[in-house]
Protein backbone atom coordinates (compact mmCIF):
# COMPACT_ATOMS: atom_id res chain seq x y z
CA MET A 1 12.85 29.16 -12.37
CA ALA A 2 14.26 32.43 -13.18
CA SER A 3 14.97 35.96 -13.06
CA LEU A 4 15.08 38.20 -16.08
CA ALA A 5 16.32 41.69 -15.33
CA ILE A 6 14.35 44.47 -16.97
CA ASP A 7 16.15 47.79 -16.87
CA THR A 8 14.94 50.57 -19.14
CA ALA A 9 14.44 54.28 -18.78
CA GLU A 10 10.73 53.63 -18.23
CA PHE A 11 10.60 50.55 -16.04
CA THR A 12 13.04 48.88 -13.68
CA ALA A 13 12.24 45.64 -11.89
CA GLU A 14 13.26 42.01 -11.74
CA THR A 15 11.02 39.48 -13.49
CA LEU A 16 10.99 36.09 -11.78
CA GLY A 17 10.39 32.99 -13.83
CA SER A 18 12.57 32.64 -16.91
CA ARG A 19 16.17 31.90 -15.80
CA PRO A 20 17.94 30.86 -12.58
CA ALA A 21 17.94 33.57 -9.92
CA PRO A 22 21.15 35.60 -9.48
CA ALA A 23 23.54 34.12 -6.92
CA GLU A 24 23.43 37.40 -4.99
CA TRP A 25 19.84 36.67 -3.96
CA ASN A 26 20.89 33.38 -2.39
CA ARG A 27 23.62 35.10 -0.38
CA LYS A 28 21.97 38.38 0.55
CA GLY A 29 18.26 37.83 0.02
CA VAL A 30 17.92 40.29 -2.86
CA ASN A 31 20.06 41.87 -5.53
CA ALA A 32 19.45 45.42 -4.32
CA ALA A 33 20.42 47.91 -1.64
CA PRO A 34 20.11 46.31 1.82
CA ALA A 35 17.77 49.07 3.02
CA LEU A 36 15.12 48.19 0.45
CA GLU A 37 12.44 45.62 1.25
CA PRO A 38 12.26 42.84 -1.36
CA VAL A 39 8.71 42.74 -2.70
CA VAL A 40 7.48 40.02 -5.04
CA PHE A 41 4.54 41.20 -7.16
CA LEU A 42 2.25 38.59 -8.73
CA PRO A 43 0.26 39.65 -11.83
CA GLY A 44 -3.24 38.57 -12.79
CA LEU A 45 -4.69 36.77 -15.80
CA LEU A 46 -3.43 38.19 -19.13
CA CYS A 47 -1.17 40.62 -17.25
CA ASP A 48 2.59 41.09 -17.39
CA GLN A 49 5.02 43.23 -15.42
CA SER A 50 3.38 46.41 -16.72
CA LEU A 51 0.48 45.79 -14.34
CA TRP A 52 2.75 46.90 -11.50
CA ARG A 53 4.64 49.66 -13.36
CA GLN A 54 3.24 52.52 -11.31
CA GLN A 55 3.80 50.71 -8.01
CA VAL A 56 7.41 49.98 -8.94
CA HIS A 57 8.02 53.68 -9.63
CA ALA A 58 6.15 55.00 -6.59
CA LEU A 59 7.77 52.61 -4.10
CA SER A 60 11.31 52.73 -5.47
CA ASP A 61 12.59 54.40 -2.29
CA VAL A 62 11.39 51.60 -0.01
CA ALA A 63 11.03 48.46 -2.15
CA ALA A 64 13.24 46.24 -4.30
CA PRO A 65 10.57 44.99 -6.73
CA MET A 66 10.52 41.58 -8.35
CA ILE A 67 7.67 40.58 -10.65
CA ALA A 68 6.82 36.92 -11.13
CA ASP A 69 6.25 35.49 -14.58
CA LEU A 70 2.96 33.61 -14.29
CA THR A 71 2.65 32.81 -18.00
CA LEU A 72 4.67 29.59 -18.10
CA ASP A 73 2.72 27.12 -15.96
CA ASP A 74 -0.79 25.65 -16.02
CA THR A 75 -1.37 25.09 -12.30
CA ILE A 76 -1.34 27.48 -9.36
CA GLY A 77 1.02 25.11 -7.56
CA ALA A 78 3.58 25.21 -10.37
CA MET A 79 3.35 29.00 -10.50
CA ALA A 80 4.01 29.13 -6.76
CA GLU A 81 6.98 26.77 -6.99
CA ARG A 82 8.55 28.69 -9.89
CA THR A 83 8.19 31.94 -7.96
CA LEU A 84 9.66 30.48 -4.77
CA ALA A 85 12.61 29.01 -6.68
CA ALA A 86 13.57 32.43 -8.03
CA ALA A 87 12.64 34.68 -5.10
CA PRO A 88 14.92 35.77 -2.26
CA ARG A 89 14.90 33.86 0.99
CA ARG A 90 12.43 36.27 2.61
CA PHE A 91 10.19 38.83 0.96
CA SER A 92 6.93 40.74 1.09
CA LEU A 93 4.30 39.36 -1.28
CA ALA A 94 1.59 41.21 -3.23
CA GLY A 95 -0.82 39.53 -5.65
CA LEU A 96 -3.68 40.83 -7.78
CA SER A 97 -6.49 38.49 -8.89
CA MET A 98 -4.82 35.28 -10.10
CA GLY A 99 -1.69 36.57 -8.42
CA GLY A 100 -3.60 36.43 -5.16
CA TYR A 101 -4.40 32.75 -5.75
CA VAL A 102 -0.68 32.11 -6.21
CA ALA A 103 0.12 34.17 -3.11
CA LEU A 104 -2.19 32.02 -1.00
CA GLU A 105 -0.54 28.88 -2.38
CA ILE A 106 2.87 30.30 -1.46
CA MET A 107 1.56 30.93 2.05
CA ARG A 108 0.62 27.25 2.30
CA ARG A 109 3.93 25.98 0.96
CA ALA A 110 6.48 28.37 2.46
CA PRO A 111 4.91 30.70 5.04
CA GLU A 112 8.26 31.19 6.75
CA ARG A 113 9.61 33.01 3.69
CA VAL A 114 6.90 35.69 3.55
CA SER A 115 7.15 38.75 5.79
CA ARG A 116 3.95 40.54 4.64
CA LEU A 117 1.01 39.71 2.39
CA ALA A 118 -1.17 41.98 0.22
CA LEU A 119 -4.17 40.54 -1.63
CA ILE A 120 -5.71 42.91 -4.18
CA ASN A 121 -8.90 42.15 -6.15
CA SER A 122 -8.65 38.49 -5.26
CA SER A 123 -10.55 35.60 -3.69
CA ALA A 124 -9.86 32.55 -1.54
CA ARG A 125 -12.64 30.52 -3.15
CA SER A 126 -12.20 27.84 -5.79
CA ASP A 127 -13.92 28.20 -9.15
CA THR A 128 -17.61 27.37 -9.26
CA PRO A 129 -18.61 24.55 -11.65
CA GLU A 130 -20.40 27.07 -13.85
CA ARG A 131 -17.38 29.37 -14.02
CA SER A 132 -15.10 26.43 -14.82
CA ARG A 133 -17.43 25.41 -17.66
CA GLN A 134 -17.29 28.96 -19.01
CA ARG A 135 -13.49 28.95 -18.87
CA GLN A 136 -13.31 25.58 -20.63
CA ALA A 137 -15.68 26.79 -23.33
CA GLY A 138 -13.46 29.82 -23.83
CA ILE A 139 -10.39 27.61 -24.15
CA GLU A 140 -12.09 25.39 -26.74
CA SER A 141 -13.25 28.44 -28.68
CA LEU A 142 -9.71 29.81 -28.71
CA ARG A 143 -8.30 26.50 -29.95
CA ARG A 144 -10.76 26.56 -32.85
CA GLY A 145 -10.12 30.17 -33.75
CA LYS A 146 -7.58 32.84 -32.89
CA PHE A 147 -6.71 34.79 -29.79
CA VAL A 148 -8.38 38.21 -29.79
CA GLY A 149 -7.11 39.44 -26.43
CA ILE A 150 -9.29 41.73 -24.34
CA THR A 151 -12.68 42.21 -26.01
CA HIS A 152 -14.89 45.18 -25.21
CA ARG A 153 -17.28 42.86 -23.37
CA LEU A 154 -14.50 41.39 -21.22
CA LEU A 155 -13.11 44.85 -20.54
CA GLY A 156 -16.50 45.85 -19.17
CA GLU A 157 -16.26 42.95 -16.72
CA LEU A 158 -12.74 43.81 -15.64
CA VAL A 159 -12.75 47.56 -15.07
CA HIS A 160 -15.09 50.28 -13.85
CA ALA A 161 -17.24 51.92 -16.53
CA ASP A 162 -15.06 55.04 -16.32
CA ASN A 163 -12.07 53.03 -17.56
CA THR A 164 -13.46 51.13 -20.55
CA VAL A 165 -11.82 53.69 -22.84
CA GLY A 166 -8.54 55.49 -22.30
CA PRO A 167 -5.13 54.55 -20.88
CA VAL A 168 -6.32 51.77 -18.56
CA ALA A 169 -8.11 50.01 -21.42
CA ASP A 170 -5.11 50.51 -23.69
CA GLU A 171 -2.77 49.03 -21.08
CA MET A 172 -5.05 46.03 -20.59
CA ARG A 173 -5.15 45.32 -24.32
CA GLY A 174 -1.39 45.75 -24.63
CA MET A 175 -0.66 43.30 -21.82
CA ALA A 176 -3.07 40.71 -23.23
CA SER A 177 -1.43 40.96 -26.64
CA ARG A 178 2.01 40.42 -25.13
CA VAL A 179 0.89 37.49 -22.96
CA GLY A 180 -0.81 35.76 -25.90
CA GLY A 181 -3.21 32.89 -26.42
CA ASP A 182 -1.04 29.96 -25.33
CA ALA A 183 -0.31 31.54 -21.95
CA PHE A 184 -3.98 32.49 -21.63
CA ILE A 185 -4.94 28.81 -21.93
CA ARG A 186 -2.37 27.81 -19.33
CA GLN A 187 -3.55 30.51 -16.94
CA GLN A 188 -7.22 29.64 -17.38
CA HIS A 189 -6.46 26.00 -16.62
CA ALA A 190 -4.59 27.06 -13.48
CA ILE A 191 -7.43 29.29 -12.33
CA MET A 192 -10.22 26.78 -12.88
CA THR A 193 -8.31 23.99 -11.07
CA ARG A 194 -7.16 26.13 -8.14
CA PRO A 195 -7.85 24.84 -4.63
CA ASP A 196 -10.21 26.49 -2.18
CA SER A 197 -8.10 28.47 0.30
CA LEU A 198 -10.75 29.56 2.80
CA ASP A 199 -9.89 26.91 5.38
CA SER A 200 -6.19 27.77 5.34
CA LEU A 201 -6.58 31.53 5.88
CA HIS A 202 -6.61 31.24 9.67
CA ALA A 203 -3.01 29.95 9.55
CA ILE A 204 -1.69 33.20 8.04
CA ARG A 205 0.19 35.13 10.72
CA VAL A 206 2.01 37.84 8.77
CA PRO A 207 0.75 41.44 8.45
CA THR A 208 -1.89 41.18 5.73
CA MET A 209 -3.72 43.81 3.71
CA VAL A 210 -6.85 43.06 1.65
CA VAL A 211 -7.90 45.54 -1.05
CA VAL A 212 -10.93 45.45 -3.36
CA GLY A 213 -12.73 47.75 -5.77
CA ASP A 214 -16.30 48.61 -4.84
CA GLY A 215 -17.33 47.68 -8.39
CA ASP A 216 -15.26 44.51 -8.75
CA ARG A 217 -17.46 42.04 -10.64
CA ILE A 218 -14.89 39.23 -10.84
CA THR A 219 -13.94 38.94 -7.16
CA PRO A 220 -16.53 41.16 -5.46
CA PRO A 221 -16.15 42.86 -2.07
CA ASP A 222 -17.78 39.99 -0.16
CA HIS A 223 -14.97 37.69 -1.36
CA ALA A 224 -12.39 40.15 -0.05
CA ARG A 225 -14.19 40.67 3.23
CA GLU A 226 -14.32 36.95 3.98
CA ILE A 227 -10.54 36.83 3.54
CA HIS A 228 -10.15 39.76 5.92
CA GLU A 229 -12.43 38.16 8.49
CA ARG A 230 -10.42 34.92 8.49
CA ILE A 231 -6.93 36.44 8.79
CA ALA A 232 -6.29 37.78 12.27
CA GLY A 233 -5.08 41.38 12.36
CA SER A 234 -5.54 41.97 8.63
CA SER A 235 -6.59 45.35 7.26
CA PHE A 236 -9.43 45.81 4.76
CA HIS A 237 -9.71 48.61 2.19
CA THR A 238 -12.36 49.35 -0.45
CA ILE A 239 -11.49 51.65 -3.36
CA GLY A 240 -14.37 53.62 -4.83
CA ALA A 241 -15.24 53.77 -8.54
CA CYS A 242 -12.96 50.80 -9.11
CA GLY A 243 -13.36 47.46 -10.84
CA HIS A 244 -11.10 44.40 -10.80
CA MET A 245 -7.83 46.13 -11.73
CA ALA A 246 -7.11 48.48 -8.83
CA ALA A 247 -3.36 48.71 -9.52
CA LEU A 248 -4.14 50.22 -12.93
CA GLU A 249 -7.43 51.98 -12.22
CA HIS A 250 -6.41 53.78 -9.03
CA PRO A 251 -2.63 53.51 -8.77
CA GLU A 252 -2.22 56.43 -6.37
CA GLN A 253 -4.52 54.84 -3.80
CA VAL A 254 -2.90 51.44 -4.22
CA ASN A 255 0.56 53.01 -3.89
CA PHE A 256 -0.50 54.78 -0.69
CA LEU A 257 -1.89 51.56 0.78
CA LEU A 258 1.17 49.53 -0.19
CA ARG A 259 3.50 52.09 1.36
CA GLY A 260 1.61 51.88 4.64
CA TRP A 261 1.66 48.08 4.41
CA LEU A 262 5.43 48.09 3.94
CA GLN A 263 5.83 50.29 6.99
CA ARG A 264 4.10 47.73 9.22
CA SER A 265 6.47 45.60 11.30
CA ALA A 266 7.23 42.37 9.50
CA ALA A 267 6.37 39.03 11.05
């Protein structure tokens, strides 16, 4: 239940999850200029605040960014509660992959606090039994050995072939190294025990944007489209030559879409 301020020449945002939130958020809604929209960004598996670095920079004129720490808990519900405890009273909410699972849980628990919702490279389905078995096998393997982070094979699953070498791959490996093996186990447990959210999508009434990469192999376009089809008035966007990490792979397109999303009238 926290908020750790990160303020460097390279990256400025609030990280939610490690200490009690500043009192200013409880009084004013966000510790930032009143004209800026508070936006809570939710990272994915093995990702930290750097996932959203380029969005934080590009949207600094319209958004007061806060980035949730999803490394501390081992259930989606606990991640949602920690985020809600540290977030302002009302905020826009954007989640990528696992962050999208947490976003949907927040929508179930506190829909009145969310003004807009963006789901990027995510799914409303629960894990399949086969996928859960694979995750559990990976956890057991890690407990017997050591954490190796993002392997070349896993990278090929996560990003488009164009991005398996270069800055996107380097960023992915760096984030995984910082997150570490213990948090990876907690996150995998959270993901494989997450609830199915398909039946609750119809209750979402805030302006919602759904974004997916055309080459996403983790949460493919049909998963994104079924979310779009169940949320009235939502928008749907496919990014070409993109895998599961749109915020890193095609930041300019994601920034453009998020800016338009923030300009939509809030619920």
